[in-house]
Amino acid sequence: QVQLVESGGDLVQAGGSLRLSCVVSGIDFREYDFGWYRQTPGKSRELVAYITRVSVTTYGDSEKGRFTISRDNAKNTVHLQMDKLNTDDTGVYYCNAPWSLSSTTMLCPWGPGTQVTVSA
């Protein structure tokens, strides 16, 4: 059974940092690319960071220089280090394995997500 479980979300002040984790089970983790997605009320999920199976990374324009995505193949875990947080970063964060960088087709079921709230 394929399962993704996100954690690490919290309430933080603007300028602060958080580290999110996504534990993946039920697939051969090393063979997949992964993305972190943010969802805010009334909007669809948007990709904020992406990492390939060989750890090539891509970021959204507003996340460049502030967010760092990484993967630990030994622990089947994807991390998102979030620094210099601002109120626009507020949302529910999910990880998943997209068909490709620009694809909206996911290869895994969505997990529960983790809530990040940034206060001014």
Protein backbone atom coordinates (compact mmCIF):
# COMPACT_ATOMS: atom_id res chain seq x y z
CA GLN A 1 0.00 0.00 0.00
CA VAL A 2 1.43 3.34 -1.07
CA GLN A 3 1.44 5.93 1.67
CA LEU A 4 2.89 9.43 2.09
CA VAL A 5 2.83 11.10 5.49
CA GLU A 6 3.87 14.70 5.92
CA SER A 7 4.93 16.31 9.21
CA GLY A 8 6.72 19.33 10.62
CA GLY A 9 4.16 22.05 10.02
CA ASP A 10 3.61 24.62 12.75
CA LEU A 11 2.72 28.21 13.58
CA VAL A 12 5.78 30.42 13.11
CA GLN A 13 6.49 34.13 12.98
CA ALA A 14 7.52 35.81 9.75
CA GLY A 15 11.25 35.47 9.24
CA GLY A 16 11.35 32.11 10.97
CA SER A 17 12.14 28.63 9.71
CA LEU A 18 10.53 25.20 9.54
CA ARG A 19 11.63 21.81 8.29
CA LEU A 20 8.99 19.57 6.77
CA SER A 21 9.36 15.83 6.29
CA CYS A 22 7.51 13.35 4.10
CA VAL A 23 7.89 9.65 4.80
CA VAL A 24 7.05 7.45 1.81
CA SER A 25 6.19 3.76 1.88
CA GLY A 26 4.95 1.17 -0.58
CA ILE A 27 7.10 2.18 -3.58
CA ASP A 28 10.75 1.95 -4.60
CA PHE A 29 11.56 5.42 -3.27
CA ARG A 30 14.85 5.77 -5.17
CA GLU A 31 13.12 5.45 -8.54
CA TYR A 32 10.83 8.46 -8.10
CA ASP A 33 11.06 12.21 -8.39
CA PHE A 34 9.21 14.14 -5.68
CA GLY A 35 7.64 17.52 -5.21
CA TRP A 36 6.38 19.61 -2.33
CA TYR A 37 3.08 21.37 -2.98
CA ARG A 38 1.25 24.15 -1.14
CA GLN A 39 -2.50 24.54 -1.06
CA THR A 40 -4.32 27.64 0.17
CA PRO A 41 -8.10 28.12 0.46
CA GLY A 42 -9.77 28.53 -2.92
CA LYS A 43 -6.66 27.61 -4.88
CA SER A 44 -5.33 24.43 -6.34
CA ARG A 45 -2.11 22.92 -5.12
CA GLU A 46 0.99 24.66 -6.46
CA LEU A 47 4.44 23.19 -6.77
CA VAL A 48 6.99 24.92 -4.53
CA ALA A 49 9.98 22.57 -4.82
CA TYR A 50 10.94 19.50 -6.83
CA ILE A 51 13.75 16.94 -6.60
CA THR A 52 14.66 14.27 -9.12
CA ARG A 53 15.83 10.77 -8.34
CA VAL A 54 19.41 12.06 -8.79
CA SER A 55 18.76 15.09 -6.55
CA VAL A 56 18.51 17.78 -9.21
CA THR A 57 16.29 20.47 -7.66
CA THR A 58 13.85 23.08 -8.99
CA TYR A 59 12.01 25.81 -7.07
CA GLY A 60 9.13 28.17 -7.58
CA ASP A 61 10.16 31.76 -8.21
CA SER A 62 9.07 32.96 -4.76
CA GLU A 63 10.77 30.03 -3.04
CA LYS A 64 14.20 30.32 -4.65
CA GLY A 65 16.88 31.18 -2.12
CA ARG A 66 14.58 30.46 0.84
CA PHE A 67 13.51 26.82 0.50
CA THR A 68 15.72 23.75 0.15
CA ILE A 69 14.38 20.36 -0.86
CA SER A 70 16.40 17.23 -0.11
CA ARG A 71 15.91 13.49 0.01
CA ASP A 72 17.21 10.69 2.20
CA ASN A 73 17.00 7.47 0.20
CA ALA A 74 18.02 5.39 3.21
CA LYS A 75 14.99 6.61 5.16
CA ASN A 76 12.51 6.99 2.26
CA THR A 77 12.05 10.61 3.28
CA VAL A 78 11.83 13.93 1.47
CA HIS A 79 12.55 17.12 3.41
CA LEU A 80 11.72 20.76 2.81
CA GLN A 81 13.78 23.30 4.73
CA MET A 82 11.89 26.58 4.75
CA ASP A 83 13.75 29.75 5.79
CA LYS A 84 12.82 33.44 5.83
CA LEU A 85 9.16 32.51 5.94
CA ASN A 86 6.53 35.11 5.10
CA THR A 87 2.76 35.18 5.37
CA ASP A 88 2.38 34.12 1.72
CA ASP A 89 3.92 30.77 2.65
CA THR A 90 0.88 29.91 4.79
CA GLY A 91 -0.97 26.83 3.62
CA VAL A 92 -1.19 23.07 3.78
CA TYR A 93 1.93 21.40 2.41
CA TYR A 94 1.85 18.04 0.66
CA CYS A 95 4.46 15.89 -1.00
CA ASN A 96 3.88 13.59 -3.94
CA ALA A 97 5.56 12.01 -6.94
CA PRO A 98 4.49 13.80 -10.13
CA TRP A 99 4.75 12.18 -13.55
CA SER A 100 7.11 15.01 -14.49
CA LEU A 101 8.10 18.46 -13.25
CA SER A 102 5.15 20.22 -14.92
CA SER A 103 2.65 17.38 -14.67
CA THR A 104 -0.47 17.48 -12.53
CA THR A 105 -0.70 13.69 -12.68
CA MET A 106 0.53 12.17 -9.45
CA LEU A 107 1.85 8.66 -9.12
CA CYS A 108 0.83 8.30 -5.47
CA PRO A 109 -2.28 9.05 -3.43
CA TRP A 110 -2.19 12.33 -1.54
CA GLY A 111 -1.28 12.22 2.13
CA PRO A 112 -2.92 14.25 4.90
CA GLY A 113 -0.60 17.24 4.45
CA THR A 114 0.89 19.41 7.18
CA GLN A 115 -0.32 22.91 8.08
CA VAL A 116 2.13 25.80 7.97
CA THR A 117 0.92 29.11 9.36
CA VAL A 118 3.13 32.18 9.25
CA SER A 119 2.08 35.12 11.40
CA ALA A 120 3.05 38.70 10.64
